[in-house]
Amino acid sequence: MKSCTRNALFTGLGFLIGTVGLKAATSETAKKGYVHAMAQGMKAKSDYEGLVEQAKAEFDDMKAEAEYIAVSDKDVKKAEKAAK
């Protein structure tokens, strides 16, 4: 009987906690908290995207400069060969 009573008690307690938890999760205060959490997530996403775009721009600048140096080195070597 103890096992049956304990199971019934846990079932009732689980139902009660679930009901109270559902009420708490759908309350106005909780909804405001969810909205603020989502807003912070959106800000973080926006900041991250800006950081990634800036990094891409820096990479493109470095790549263009490296290509310019590589091309100018080839021109210098060609000029040296032509002079000989």
N, C-alpha and C. Protein backbone atom coordinates (compact mmCIF):
# COMPACT_ATOMS: atom_id res chain seq x y z
N MET A 1 0.81 -1.21 0.00
CA MET A 1 0.00 0.00 0.00
C MET A 1 0.85 1.27 0.00
N LYS A 2 2.00 1.18 0.65
CA LYS A 2 2.85 2.37 0.70
C LYS A 2 3.25 2.83 -0.69
N SER A 3 3.59 1.89 -1.52
CA SER A 3 4.00 2.21 -2.88
C SER A 3 2.86 2.86 -3.66
N CYS A 4 1.67 2.35 -3.52
CA CYS A 4 0.50 2.90 -4.20
C CYS A 4 0.20 4.31 -3.71
N THR A 5 0.31 4.52 -2.41
CA THR A 5 0.05 5.85 -1.84
C THR A 5 1.10 6.84 -2.31
N ARG A 6 2.36 6.39 -2.33
CA ARG A 6 3.44 7.27 -2.76
C ARG A 6 3.28 7.64 -4.23
N ASN A 7 2.92 6.68 -5.06
CA ASN A 7 2.71 6.95 -6.48
C ASN A 7 1.57 7.95 -6.69
N ALA A 8 0.50 7.78 -5.95
CA ALA A 8 -0.64 8.70 -6.06
C ALA A 8 -0.23 10.09 -5.60
N LEU A 9 0.56 10.15 -4.53
CA LEU A 9 1.03 11.44 -4.03
C LEU A 9 1.92 12.14 -5.06
N PHE A 10 2.86 11.39 -5.65
CA PHE A 10 3.73 11.97 -6.67
C PHE A 10 2.95 12.39 -7.91
N THR A 11 1.95 11.64 -8.29
CA THR A 11 1.12 11.99 -9.45
C THR A 11 0.36 13.29 -9.17
N GLY A 12 -0.23 13.38 -8.01
CA GLY A 12 -0.97 14.59 -7.64
C GLY A 12 -0.04 15.79 -7.53
N LEU A 13 1.12 15.58 -6.93
CA LEU A 13 2.09 16.65 -6.79
C LEU A 13 2.60 17.11 -8.16
N GLY A 14 2.85 16.18 -9.04
CA GLY A 14 3.29 16.52 -10.40
C GLY A 14 2.24 17.32 -11.15
N PHE A 15 0.99 16.92 -11.02
CA PHE A 15 -0.11 17.65 -11.65
C PHE A 15 -0.20 19.07 -11.10
N LEU A 16 -0.07 19.21 -9.79
CA LEU A 16 -0.13 20.52 -9.15
C LEU A 16 1.02 21.42 -9.60
N ILE A 17 2.23 20.87 -9.62
CA ILE A 17 3.39 21.65 -10.05
C ILE A 17 3.25 22.04 -11.53
N GLY A 18 2.76 21.12 -12.34
CA GLY A 18 2.56 21.42 -13.76
C GLY A 18 1.55 22.53 -13.97
N THR A 19 0.48 22.50 -13.23
CA THR A 19 -0.55 23.53 -13.34
C THR A 19 -0.02 24.89 -12.90
N VAL A 20 0.64 24.91 -11.75
CA VAL A 20 1.20 26.17 -11.24
C VAL A 20 2.29 26.67 -12.18
N GLY A 21 3.12 25.77 -12.70
CA GLY A 21 4.18 26.16 -13.64
C GLY A 21 3.62 26.75 -14.91
N LEU A 22 2.52 26.18 -15.40
CA LEU A 22 1.89 26.70 -16.61
C LEU A 22 1.33 28.10 -16.36
N LYS A 23 0.72 28.30 -15.22
CA LYS A 23 0.20 29.63 -14.87
C LYS A 23 1.34 30.63 -14.78
N ALA A 24 2.45 30.24 -14.16
CA ALA A 24 3.59 31.14 -14.00
C ALA A 24 4.23 31.45 -15.36
N ALA A 25 4.30 30.46 -16.23
CA ALA A 25 4.94 30.65 -17.53
C ALA A 25 4.12 31.56 -18.44
N THR A 26 2.79 31.61 -18.22
CA THR A 26 1.94 32.43 -19.07
C THR A 26 1.55 33.75 -18.42
N SER A 27 2.15 34.08 -17.29
CA SER A 27 1.81 35.33 -16.61
C SER A 27 2.40 36.53 -17.36
N GLU A 28 1.87 37.70 -17.08
CA GLU A 28 2.34 38.93 -17.74
C GLU A 28 3.80 39.21 -17.42
N THR A 29 4.20 38.98 -16.18
CA THR A 29 5.59 39.21 -15.78
C THR A 29 6.52 38.29 -16.56
N ALA A 30 6.14 37.04 -16.70
CA ALA A 30 6.95 36.09 -17.45
C ALA A 30 7.03 36.50 -18.92
N LYS A 31 5.92 36.94 -19.48
CA LYS A 31 5.92 37.36 -20.89
C LYS A 31 6.84 38.55 -21.10
N LYS A 32 6.84 39.49 -20.16
CA LYS A 32 7.75 40.64 -20.26
C LYS A 32 9.20 40.17 -20.20
N GLY A 33 9.47 39.20 -19.35
CA GLY A 33 10.81 38.63 -19.27
C GLY A 33 11.22 37.96 -20.57
N TYR A 34 10.29 37.22 -21.18
CA TYR A 34 10.57 36.57 -22.46
C TYR A 34 10.88 37.60 -23.54
N VAL A 35 10.10 38.69 -23.55
CA VAL A 35 10.31 39.75 -24.54
C VAL A 35 11.67 40.38 -24.36
N HIS A 36 12.06 40.66 -23.13
CA HIS A 36 13.37 41.27 -22.88
C HIS A 36 14.50 40.32 -23.27
N ALA A 37 14.31 39.04 -22.98
CA ALA A 37 15.33 38.05 -23.35
C ALA A 37 15.48 37.96 -24.87
N MET A 38 14.35 38.00 -25.57
CA MET A 38 14.40 37.97 -27.03
C MET A 38 15.06 39.22 -27.58
N ALA A 39 14.77 40.38 -26.98
CA ALA A 39 15.37 41.63 -27.43
C ALA A 39 16.89 41.59 -27.25
N GLN A 40 17.34 41.06 -26.14
CA GLN A 40 18.79 40.95 -25.91
C GLN A 40 19.41 39.99 -26.92
N GLY A 41 18.72 38.92 -27.24
CA GLY A 41 19.22 37.98 -28.24
C GLY A 41 19.31 38.62 -29.61
N MET A 42 18.33 39.45 -29.95
CA MET A 42 18.34 40.14 -31.24
C MET A 42 19.49 41.15 -31.29
N LYS A 43 19.74 41.84 -30.19
CA LYS A 43 20.86 42.79 -30.14
C LYS A 43 22.18 42.05 -30.32
N ALA A 44 22.33 40.93 -29.64
CA ALA A 44 23.56 40.14 -29.75
C ALA A 44 23.76 39.66 -31.18
N LYS A 45 22.68 39.22 -31.81
CA LYS A 45 22.76 38.76 -33.20
C LYS A 45 23.18 39.90 -34.11
N SER A 46 22.61 41.07 -33.92
CA SER A 46 22.94 42.22 -34.73
C SER A 46 24.41 42.62 -34.55
N ASP A 47 24.87 42.63 -33.31
CA ASP A 47 26.27 42.96 -33.04
C ASP A 47 27.19 41.94 -33.69
N TYR A 48 26.83 40.67 -33.62
CA TYR A 48 27.64 39.61 -34.22
C TYR A 48 27.71 39.78 -35.74
N GLU A 49 26.56 40.07 -36.36
CA GLU A 49 26.54 40.25 -37.80
C GLU A 49 27.40 41.44 -38.22
N GLY A 50 27.36 42.51 -37.44
CA GLY A 50 28.21 43.67 -37.73
C GLY A 50 29.68 43.33 -37.62
N LEU A 51 30.02 42.55 -36.63
CA LEU A 51 31.41 42.13 -36.43
C LEU A 51 31.88 41.26 -37.59
N VAL A 52 31.03 40.35 -38.04
CA VAL A 52 31.38 39.47 -39.15
C VAL A 52 31.56 40.29 -40.43
N GLU A 53 30.68 41.23 -40.68
CA GLU A 53 30.80 42.07 -41.88
C GLU A 53 32.10 42.88 -41.85
N GLN A 54 32.45 43.40 -40.69
CA GLN A 54 33.68 44.16 -40.56
C GLN A 54 34.89 43.26 -40.81
N ALA A 55 34.87 42.05 -40.30
CA ALA A 55 35.97 41.11 -40.51
C ALA A 55 36.09 40.75 -41.99
N LYS A 56 34.95 40.56 -42.66
CA LYS A 56 34.98 40.26 -44.09
C LYS A 56 35.58 41.41 -44.88
N ALA A 57 35.22 42.64 -44.52
CA ALA A 57 35.76 43.80 -45.21
C ALA A 57 37.27 43.90 -45.00
N GLU A 58 37.73 43.66 -43.78
CA GLU A 58 39.17 43.69 -43.51
C GLU A 58 39.88 42.61 -44.32
N PHE A 59 39.31 41.42 -44.39
CA PHE A 59 39.91 40.34 -45.15
C PHE A 59 40.00 40.71 -46.63
N ASP A 60 38.93 41.27 -47.18
CA ASP A 60 38.94 41.66 -48.58
C ASP A 60 40.01 42.72 -48.85
N ASP A 61 40.19 43.66 -47.93
CA ASP A 61 41.23 44.68 -48.08
C ASP A 61 42.62 44.05 -48.08
N MET A 62 42.85 43.13 -47.15
CA MET A 62 44.17 42.47 -47.08
C MET A 62 44.42 41.63 -48.32
N LYS A 63 43.38 40.96 -48.81
CA LYS A 63 43.52 40.13 -50.01
C LYS A 63 43.86 41.00 -51.22
N ALA A 64 43.17 42.12 -51.36
CA ALA A 64 43.43 43.02 -52.48
C ALA A 64 44.86 43.58 -52.41
N GLU A 65 45.31 43.93 -51.23
CA GLU A 65 46.67 44.45 -51.07
C GLU A 65 47.70 43.37 -51.40
N ALA A 66 47.45 42.14 -50.97
CA ALA A 66 48.36 41.03 -51.26
C ALA A 66 48.42 40.75 -52.75
N GLU A 67 47.27 40.81 -53.44
CA GLU A 67 47.27 40.61 -54.89
C GLU A 67 48.03 41.72 -55.59
N TYR A 68 47.90 42.94 -55.12
CA TYR A 68 48.62 44.06 -55.72
C TYR A 68 50.13 43.86 -55.56
N ILE A 69 50.54 43.43 -54.38
CA ILE A 69 51.97 43.20 -54.13
C ILE A 69 52.48 42.06 -55.01
N ALA A 70 51.69 41.00 -55.14
CA ALA A 70 52.09 39.85 -55.95
C ALA A 70 52.24 40.25 -57.41
N VAL A 71 51.32 41.03 -57.92
CA VAL A 71 51.38 41.48 -59.31
C VAL A 71 52.56 42.40 -59.52
N SER A 72 52.79 43.31 -58.60
CA SER A 72 53.90 44.25 -58.76
C SER A 72 55.24 43.52 -58.66
N ASP A 73 55.34 42.46 -57.84
CA ASP A 73 56.56 41.66 -57.77
C ASP A 73 56.83 40.96 -59.10
N LYS A 74 55.78 40.47 -59.74
CA LYS A 74 55.94 39.82 -61.05
C LYS A 74 56.44 40.84 -62.07
N ASP A 75 55.90 42.05 -62.03
CA ASP A 75 56.33 43.08 -62.97
C ASP A 75 57.79 43.44 -62.75
N VAL A 76 58.23 43.50 -61.51
CA VAL A 76 59.63 43.81 -61.21
C VAL A 76 60.53 42.71 -61.73
N LYS A 77 60.16 41.46 -61.55
CA LYS A 77 60.97 40.35 -62.03
C LYS A 77 61.03 40.33 -63.55
N LYS A 78 59.91 40.63 -64.20
CA LYS A 78 59.90 40.70 -65.67
C LYS A 78 60.81 41.82 -66.16
N ALA A 79 60.77 42.96 -65.49
CA ALA A 79 61.61 44.10 -65.87
C ALA A 79 63.09 43.76 -65.69
N GLU A 80 63.42 43.03 -64.64
CA GLU A 80 64.81 42.63 -64.39
C GLU A 80 65.29 41.66 -65.46
N LYS A 81 64.42 40.71 -65.86
CA LYS A 81 64.79 39.77 -66.90
C LYS A 81 64.97 40.49 -68.24
N ALA A 82 64.13 41.44 -68.52
CA ALA A 82 64.21 42.19 -69.77
C ALA A 82 65.47 43.05 -69.80
N ALA A 83 65.88 43.54 -68.67
CA ALA A 83 67.07 44.40 -68.61
C ALA A 83 68.34 43.59 -68.83
N LYS A 84 68.31 42.31 -68.50
CA LYS A 84 69.52 41.47 -68.66
C LYS A 84 69.65 41.09 -70.08
